Amino acid sequence: MKIKSILLSSILAILSSCKTYTIPVESFRKQMTKSGTEMRKVEINNPISYSNIKYEANRIESLIVMDKDGNNVEIENLPKLEMRVTRKDGSKYILLFDTVVVENDTLKGARSRIIQNLRREIPLNDIEKIEIQDNGKVYKYQ
């Protein structure tokens, strides 16, 4: 019985694991200042069917990030990407990557597509670390 629970826990850990990448703040700034914004529509597949949500998004197609071994990797900008920002004071924020834009040395992004007023603004000079996580959620652009 103990072996079954260990095996089940291992399988769940593997299936629920996500890829996490890092990006230096200066590289992020350079890549994002060229992107601009547009209105997007996304279909969210979940039990509380909030389909066809419109929101403001960046127009960047892909992003150069670093994997855990320090290798540069190009990842496609998809609605399933999340961004974890760590400020120099240690506070952490999670934003939806495709909603993130850089304006006047300030990072602006949303924490939710459903609740539009949950936005965060963080000066780029206050950011210590940026991580991009491919969390595997199933969203589709329309």
N, C-alpha and C. Protein backbone atom coordinates (compact mmCIF):
# COMPACT_ATOMS: atom_id res chain seq x y z
N MET A 1 0.81 -1.19 0.00
CA MET A 1 0.00 0.00 0.00
C MET A 1 0.86 1.26 0.00
N LYS A 2 1.95 1.23 0.77
CA LYS A 2 2.84 2.38 0.85
C LYS A 2 3.51 2.63 -0.50
N ILE A 3 3.86 1.57 -1.20
CA ILE A 3 4.49 1.70 -2.51
C ILE A 3 3.52 2.35 -3.50
N LYS A 4 2.25 1.98 -3.45
CA LYS A 4 1.25 2.56 -4.34
C LYS A 4 1.11 4.05 -4.10
N SER A 5 1.10 4.47 -2.85
CA SER A 5 0.94 5.90 -2.55
C SER A 5 2.19 6.68 -2.98
N ILE A 6 3.37 6.10 -2.82
CA ILE A 6 4.59 6.76 -3.28
C ILE A 6 4.59 6.86 -4.80
N LEU A 7 4.20 5.79 -5.47
CA LEU A 7 4.13 5.79 -6.93
C LEU A 7 3.12 6.82 -7.43
N LEU A 8 1.95 6.87 -6.81
CA LEU A 8 0.93 7.83 -7.20
C LEU A 8 1.42 9.26 -6.98
N SER A 9 2.07 9.52 -5.86
CA SER A 9 2.61 10.85 -5.58
C SER A 9 3.65 11.25 -6.61
N SER A 10 4.50 10.31 -6.99
CA SER A 10 5.54 10.57 -7.99
C SER A 10 4.93 10.90 -9.34
N ILE A 11 3.93 10.14 -9.74
CA ILE A 11 3.27 10.39 -11.02
C ILE A 11 2.59 11.75 -11.02
N LEU A 12 1.92 12.11 -9.95
CA LEU A 12 1.27 13.41 -9.86
C LEU A 12 2.28 14.54 -9.90
N ALA A 13 3.41 14.37 -9.25
CA ALA A 13 4.45 15.39 -9.26
C ALA A 13 5.01 15.60 -10.67
N ILE A 14 5.20 14.51 -11.40
CA ILE A 14 5.71 14.61 -12.76
C ILE A 14 4.69 15.28 -13.67
N LEU A 15 3.45 14.89 -13.56
CA LEU A 15 2.41 15.44 -14.42
C LEU A 15 2.12 16.91 -14.12
N SER A 16 2.27 17.31 -12.88
CA SER A 16 1.95 18.69 -12.52
C SER A 16 3.16 19.62 -12.57
N SER A 17 4.32 19.10 -12.94
CA SER A 17 5.50 19.95 -12.97
C SER A 17 5.43 20.94 -14.12
N CYS A 18 6.06 22.08 -13.92
CA CYS A 18 6.04 23.15 -14.90
C CYS A 18 7.47 23.53 -15.23
N LYS A 19 7.67 24.06 -16.42
CA LYS A 19 8.98 24.56 -16.78
C LYS A 19 9.07 26.01 -16.35
N THR A 20 10.17 26.34 -15.68
CA THR A 20 10.39 27.71 -15.23
C THR A 20 11.68 28.23 -15.84
N TYR A 21 11.60 29.44 -16.40
CA TYR A 21 12.74 30.09 -17.04
C TYR A 21 12.99 31.41 -16.34
N THR A 22 14.20 31.93 -16.46
CA THR A 22 14.51 33.25 -15.93
C THR A 22 14.90 34.17 -17.08
N ILE A 23 14.81 35.45 -16.84
CA ILE A 23 15.22 36.43 -17.83
C ILE A 23 15.79 37.63 -17.08
N PRO A 24 17.00 38.08 -17.44
CA PRO A 24 17.55 39.28 -16.80
C PRO A 24 16.65 40.49 -17.08
N VAL A 25 16.56 41.39 -16.13
CA VAL A 25 15.67 42.55 -16.23
C VAL A 25 16.00 43.38 -17.47
N GLU A 26 17.27 43.60 -17.76
CA GLU A 26 17.64 44.42 -18.92
C GLU A 26 17.25 43.75 -20.22
N SER A 27 17.42 42.45 -20.32
CA SER A 27 17.00 41.71 -21.51
C SER A 27 15.48 41.78 -21.66
N PHE A 28 14.77 41.65 -20.56
CA PHE A 28 13.32 41.75 -20.58
C PHE A 28 12.89 43.13 -21.08
N ARG A 29 13.53 44.17 -20.56
CA ARG A 29 13.20 45.54 -20.97
C ARG A 29 13.38 45.72 -22.47
N LYS A 30 14.52 45.26 -23.00
CA LYS A 30 14.80 45.41 -24.43
C LYS A 30 13.79 44.67 -25.30
N GLN A 31 13.45 43.45 -24.90
CA GLN A 31 12.52 42.66 -25.69
C GLN A 31 11.08 43.20 -25.62
N MET A 32 10.69 43.71 -24.47
CA MET A 32 9.30 44.13 -24.28
C MET A 32 9.01 45.53 -24.79
N THR A 33 9.99 46.42 -24.85
CA THR A 33 9.72 47.79 -25.27
C THR A 33 9.35 47.87 -26.75
N LYS A 34 9.60 46.83 -27.51
CA LYS A 34 9.25 46.80 -28.93
C LYS A 34 7.88 46.22 -29.19
N SER A 35 7.21 45.69 -28.19
CA SER A 35 6.04 44.84 -28.45
C SER A 35 4.75 45.58 -28.78
N GLY A 36 4.40 46.65 -28.10
CA GLY A 36 3.11 47.29 -28.31
C GLY A 36 1.99 46.45 -27.71
N THR A 37 0.74 46.91 -27.86
CA THR A 37 -0.40 46.18 -27.31
C THR A 37 -1.51 46.02 -28.34
N GLU A 38 -2.41 45.10 -28.05
CA GLU A 38 -3.60 44.87 -28.87
C GLU A 38 -4.67 44.25 -28.00
N MET A 39 -5.90 44.27 -28.46
CA MET A 39 -6.99 43.59 -27.75
C MET A 39 -7.02 42.15 -28.23
N ARG A 40 -7.09 41.21 -27.30
CA ARG A 40 -7.15 39.79 -27.64
C ARG A 40 -8.39 39.18 -27.03
N LYS A 41 -8.78 38.07 -27.62
CA LYS A 41 -9.90 37.29 -27.10
C LYS A 41 -9.36 35.90 -26.80
N VAL A 42 -9.66 35.38 -25.63
CA VAL A 42 -9.18 34.07 -25.24
C VAL A 42 -10.36 33.22 -24.77
N GLU A 43 -10.29 31.93 -25.08
CA GLU A 43 -11.30 30.98 -24.61
C GLU A 43 -10.70 30.21 -23.45
N ILE A 44 -11.37 30.24 -22.33
CA ILE A 44 -10.88 29.55 -21.13
C ILE A 44 -11.75 28.32 -20.91
N ASN A 45 -11.12 27.16 -20.92
CA ASN A 45 -11.85 25.90 -20.70
C ASN A 45 -11.74 25.50 -19.24
N ASN A 46 -12.79 25.75 -18.49
CA ASN A 46 -12.84 25.33 -17.09
C ASN A 46 -14.30 25.12 -16.69
N PRO A 47 -14.55 24.58 -15.52
CA PRO A 47 -15.93 24.28 -15.11
C PRO A 47 -16.84 25.52 -15.05
N ILE A 48 -16.27 26.68 -14.80
CA ILE A 48 -17.06 27.91 -14.73
C ILE A 48 -16.88 28.66 -16.05
N SER A 49 -17.30 28.13 -17.12
CA SER A 49 -17.08 28.57 -18.49
C SER A 49 -17.08 30.08 -18.69
N TYR A 50 -15.92 30.69 -18.56
CA TYR A 50 -15.73 32.11 -18.88
C TYR A 50 -15.10 32.17 -20.27
N SER A 51 -15.83 31.85 -21.28
CA SER A 51 -15.24 31.81 -22.61
C SER A 51 -15.29 33.19 -23.25
N ASN A 52 -14.42 33.37 -24.23
CA ASN A 52 -14.37 34.57 -25.05
C ASN A 52 -14.15 35.85 -24.25
N ILE A 53 -13.17 35.87 -23.39
CA ILE A 53 -12.84 37.05 -22.60
C ILE A 53 -11.92 37.94 -23.41
N LYS A 54 -12.21 39.24 -23.46
CA LYS A 54 -11.36 40.20 -24.16
C LYS A 54 -10.48 40.91 -23.14
N TYR A 55 -9.23 41.15 -23.50
CA TYR A 55 -8.32 41.85 -22.62
C TYR A 55 -7.19 42.45 -23.44
N GLU A 56 -6.52 43.44 -22.85
CA GLU A 56 -5.38 44.07 -23.51
C GLU A 56 -4.16 43.19 -23.32
N ALA A 57 -3.43 42.95 -24.40
CA ALA A 57 -2.27 42.04 -24.34
C ALA A 57 -1.10 42.63 -25.11
N ASN A 58 0.10 42.14 -24.79
CA ASN A 58 1.27 42.56 -25.57
C ASN A 58 1.28 41.80 -26.90
N ARG A 59 2.00 42.34 -27.86
CA ARG A 59 2.04 41.72 -29.19
C ARG A 59 3.32 40.95 -29.44
N ILE A 60 4.11 40.72 -28.42
CA ILE A 60 5.36 39.99 -28.61
C ILE A 60 5.04 38.54 -28.99
N GLU A 61 5.71 38.02 -30.00
CA GLU A 61 5.43 36.66 -30.46
C GLU A 61 6.22 35.61 -29.68
N SER A 62 7.46 35.95 -29.33
CA SER A 62 8.29 35.02 -28.57
C SER A 62 9.25 35.81 -27.69
N LEU A 63 9.86 35.11 -26.76
CA LEU A 63 10.73 35.73 -25.77
C LEU A 63 11.96 34.85 -25.59
N ILE A 64 13.14 35.47 -25.53
CA ILE A 64 14.37 34.74 -25.26
C ILE A 64 14.58 34.73 -23.75
N VAL A 65 14.63 33.53 -23.16
CA VAL A 65 14.78 33.34 -21.72
C VAL A 65 15.92 32.35 -21.48
N MET A 66 16.23 32.11 -20.21
CA MET A 66 17.27 31.13 -19.86
C MET A 66 16.64 29.97 -19.11
N ASP A 67 17.05 28.76 -19.47
CA ASP A 67 16.58 27.58 -18.74
C ASP A 67 17.41 27.40 -17.48
N LYS A 68 17.15 26.34 -16.74
CA LYS A 68 17.84 26.13 -15.45
C LYS A 68 19.34 25.90 -15.60
N ASP A 69 19.79 25.52 -16.81
CA ASP A 69 21.21 25.31 -17.07
C ASP A 69 21.91 26.56 -17.62
N GLY A 70 21.18 27.66 -17.77
CA GLY A 70 21.75 28.91 -18.28
C GLY A 70 21.77 29.01 -19.79
N ASN A 71 21.11 28.09 -20.48
CA ASN A 71 21.04 28.13 -21.94
C ASN A 71 19.90 29.04 -22.39
N ASN A 72 20.14 29.82 -23.45
CA ASN A 72 19.08 30.64 -24.01
C ASN A 72 18.06 29.77 -24.71
N VAL A 73 16.79 30.05 -24.45
CA VAL A 73 15.68 29.30 -25.03
C VAL A 73 14.67 30.32 -25.54
N GLU A 74 14.13 30.08 -26.72
CA GLU A 74 13.07 30.94 -27.23
C GLU A 74 11.73 30.27 -26.95
N ILE A 75 10.85 30.99 -26.24
CA ILE A 75 9.53 30.44 -25.94
C ILE A 75 8.47 31.31 -26.60
N GLU A 76 7.42 30.65 -27.05
CA GLU A 76 6.32 31.33 -27.71
C GLU A 76 5.42 31.99 -26.66
N ASN A 77 4.95 33.18 -26.95
CA ASN A 77 4.03 33.88 -26.06
C ASN A 77 2.64 33.26 -26.21
N LEU A 78 2.23 32.52 -25.21
CA LEU A 78 0.93 31.87 -25.18
C LEU A 78 0.19 32.28 -23.92
N PRO A 79 -1.14 32.19 -23.90
CA PRO A 79 -1.88 32.62 -22.71
C PRO A 79 -1.62 31.78 -21.46
N LYS A 80 -0.95 30.64 -21.59
CA LYS A 80 -0.68 29.81 -20.42
C LYS A 80 0.57 30.24 -19.66
N LEU A 81 1.35 31.18 -20.19
CA LEU A 81 2.56 31.62 -19.51
C LEU A 81 2.24 32.56 -18.35
N GLU A 82 2.90 32.34 -17.24
CA GLU A 82 2.79 33.23 -16.09
C GLU A 82 4.15 33.82 -15.80
N MET A 83 4.15 34.99 -15.22
CA MET A 83 5.40 35.69 -14.92
C MET A 83 5.45 35.93 -13.42
N ARG A 84 6.55 35.55 -12.80
CA ARG A 84 6.75 35.77 -11.37
C ARG A 84 7.83 36.83 -11.22
N VAL A 85 7.48 37.94 -10.60
CA VAL A 85 8.39 39.07 -10.41
C VAL A 85 8.77 39.15 -8.94
N THR A 86 10.08 39.19 -8.67
CA THR A 86 10.58 39.36 -7.31
C THR A 86 11.20 40.75 -7.22
N ARG A 87 10.68 41.55 -6.31
CA ARG A 87 11.23 42.90 -6.12
C ARG A 87 12.44 42.85 -5.20
N LYS A 88 13.20 43.92 -5.19
CA LYS A 88 14.41 43.98 -4.36
C LYS A 88 14.09 43.91 -2.87
N ASP A 89 12.86 44.26 -2.48
CA ASP A 89 12.48 44.16 -1.06
C ASP A 89 11.98 42.76 -0.69
N GLY A 90 12.02 41.82 -1.65
CA GLY A 90 11.64 40.45 -1.39
C GLY A 90 10.19 40.11 -1.71
N SER A 91 9.35 41.10 -1.98
CA SER A 91 7.96 40.82 -2.31
C SER A 91 7.87 40.20 -3.71
N LYS A 92 6.89 39.31 -3.89
CA LYS A 92 6.74 38.57 -5.15
C LYS A 92 5.33 38.78 -5.69
N TYR A 93 5.25 38.85 -7.01
CA TYR A 93 3.97 39.03 -7.68
C TYR A 93 3.89 38.09 -8.87
N ILE A 94 2.69 37.57 -9.12
CA ILE A 94 2.46 36.72 -10.28
C ILE A 94 1.54 37.46 -11.24
N LEU A 95 1.97 37.53 -12.51
CA LEU A 95 1.20 38.20 -13.55
C LEU A 95 1.02 37.26 -14.72
N LEU A 96 0.00 37.48 -15.51
CA LEU A 96 -0.20 36.72 -16.73
C LEU A 96 0.71 37.34 -17.80
N PHE A 97 1.64 36.57 -18.34
CA PHE A 97 2.67 37.14 -19.19
C PHE A 97 2.12 37.90 -20.39
N ASP A 98 1.10 37.37 -21.05
CA ASP A 98 0.63 38.04 -22.26
C ASP A 98 -0.06 39.38 -21.98
N THR A 99 -0.32 39.71 -20.71
CA THR A 99 -0.90 41.01 -20.36
C THR A 99 0.17 42.02 -19.96
N VAL A 100 1.42 41.61 -19.92
CA VAL A 100 2.50 42.46 -19.42
C VAL A 100 3.02 43.37 -20.54
N VAL A 101 3.16 44.65 -20.21
CA VAL A 101 3.77 45.63 -21.11
C VAL A 101 4.76 46.46 -20.30
N VAL A 102 5.69 47.09 -20.99
CA VAL A 102 6.63 48.01 -20.36
C VAL A 102 6.35 49.40 -20.91
N GLU A 103 6.02 50.33 -20.02
CA GLU A 103 5.77 51.72 -20.39
C GLU A 103 6.55 52.62 -19.45
N ASN A 104 7.38 53.49 -20.03
CA ASN A 104 8.14 54.47 -19.24
C ASN A 104 8.88 53.83 -18.06
N ASP A 105 9.62 52.78 -18.32
CA ASP A 105 10.39 52.07 -17.29
C ASP A 105 9.53 51.49 -16.17
N THR A 106 8.28 51.19 -16.47
CA THR A 106 7.38 50.56 -15.51
C THR A 106 6.76 49.33 -16.15
N LEU A 107 6.81 48.22 -15.44
CA LEU A 107 6.16 46.99 -15.88
C LEU A 107 4.71 47.06 -15.43
N LYS A 108 3.79 46.82 -16.37
CA LYS A 108 2.36 46.83 -16.06
C LYS A 108 1.78 45.50 -16.52
N GLY A 109 0.98 44.86 -15.67
CA GLY A 109 0.41 43.58 -16.04
C GLY A 109 -0.79 43.22 -15.19
N ALA A 110 -1.53 42.23 -15.66
CA ALA A 110 -2.76 41.80 -14.99
C ALA A 110 -2.53 40.51 -14.22
N ARG A 111 -3.25 40.36 -13.12
CA ARG A 111 -3.22 39.14 -12.33
C ARG A 111 -4.37 38.23 -12.70
N SER A 112 -5.33 38.75 -13.50
CA SER A 112 -6.49 37.97 -13.89
C SER A 112 -7.02 38.48 -15.22
N ARG A 113 -7.51 37.58 -16.05
CA ARG A 113 -8.19 38.00 -17.27
C ARG A 113 -9.66 38.29 -17.00
N ILE A 114 -10.20 37.64 -16.01
CA ILE A 114 -11.63 37.75 -15.70
C ILE A 114 -11.93 39.06 -14.98
N ILE A 115 -11.15 39.36 -13.95
CA ILE A 115 -11.34 40.59 -13.18
C ILE A 115 -10.33 41.61 -13.71
N GLN A 116 -10.80 42.51 -14.55
CA GLN A 116 -9.93 43.42 -15.29
C GLN A 116 -9.18 44.43 -14.42
N ASN A 117 -9.69 44.78 -13.26
CA ASN A 117 -9.02 45.81 -12.47
C ASN A 117 -7.94 45.25 -11.54
N LEU A 118 -7.60 43.98 -11.63
CA LEU A 118 -6.51 43.42 -10.82
C LEU A 118 -5.19 43.58 -11.57
N ARG A 119 -4.74 44.82 -11.70
CA ARG A 119 -3.51 45.12 -12.41
C ARG A 119 -2.44 45.55 -11.42
N ARG A 120 -1.20 45.37 -11.82
CA ARG A 120 -0.07 45.71 -10.97
C ARG A 120 0.90 46.56 -11.80
N GLU A 121 1.49 47.57 -11.20
CA GLU A 121 2.53 48.38 -11.82
C GLU A 121 3.76 48.32 -10.95
N ILE A 122 4.90 47.96 -11.56
CA ILE A 122 6.15 47.80 -10.81
C ILE A 122 7.27 48.51 -11.58
N PRO A 123 7.96 49.46 -10.95
CA PRO A 123 9.09 50.10 -11.62
C PRO A 123 10.18 49.06 -11.92
N LEU A 124 10.72 49.08 -13.13
CA LEU A 124 11.74 48.10 -13.51
C LEU A 124 12.97 48.19 -12.61
N ASN A 125 13.28 49.37 -12.10
CA ASN A 125 14.44 49.52 -11.21
C ASN A 125 14.27 48.79 -9.89
N ASP A 126 13.02 48.48 -9.50
CA ASP A 126 12.74 47.79 -8.25
C ASP A 126 12.74 46.27 -8.39
N ILE A 127 12.94 45.76 -9.62
CA ILE A 127 12.84 44.32 -9.86
C ILE A 127 14.21 43.66 -9.73
N GLU A 128 14.25 42.61 -8.93
CA GLU A 128 15.48 41.84 -8.77
C GLU A 128 15.51 40.63 -9.70
N LYS A 129 14.37 39.96 -9.87
CA LYS A 129 14.35 38.70 -10.61
C LYS A 129 13.02 38.56 -11.36
N ILE A 130 13.11 38.05 -12.60
CA ILE A 130 11.92 37.76 -13.39
C ILE A 130 11.98 36.30 -13.81
N GLU A 131 10.90 35.58 -13.53
CA GLU A 131 10.78 34.18 -13.93
C GLU A 131 9.54 34.03 -14.80
N ILE A 132 9.66 33.22 -15.85
CA ILE A 132 8.54 32.91 -16.72
C ILE A 132 8.24 31.44 -16.54
N GLN A 133 6.98 31.13 -16.28
CA GLN A 133 6.60 29.74 -16.02
C GLN A 133 5.56 29.28 -17.02
N ASP A 134 5.84 28.14 -17.65
CA ASP A 134 4.89 27.49 -18.54
C ASP A 134 4.10 26.52 -17.68
N ASN A 135 2.91 26.97 -17.24
CA ASN A 135 2.18 26.18 -16.25
C ASN A 135 1.23 25.14 -16.84
N GLY A 136 1.11 25.08 -18.16
CA GLY A 136 0.33 24.02 -18.78
C GLY A 136 -1.17 24.20 -18.78
N LYS A 137 -1.67 25.40 -18.39
CA LYS A 137 -3.11 25.63 -18.43
C LYS A 137 -3.57 25.57 -19.89
N VAL A 138 -4.83 25.27 -20.10
CA VAL A 138 -5.35 25.13 -21.46
C VAL A 138 -6.19 26.35 -21.81
N TYR A 139 -5.56 27.32 -22.46
CA TYR A 139 -6.23 28.50 -22.98
C TYR A 139 -5.98 28.54 -24.48
N LYS A 140 -6.92 29.09 -25.22
CA LYS A 140 -6.74 29.21 -26.67
C LYS A 140 -7.12 30.61 -27.10
N TYR A 141 -6.25 31.24 -27.92
CA TYR A 141 -6.60 32.51 -28.52
C TYR A 141 -7.64 32.28 -29.59
N GLN A 142 -8.52 33.24 -29.75
CA GLN A 142 -9.51 33.15 -30.83
C GLN A 142 -9.29 34.25 -31.82
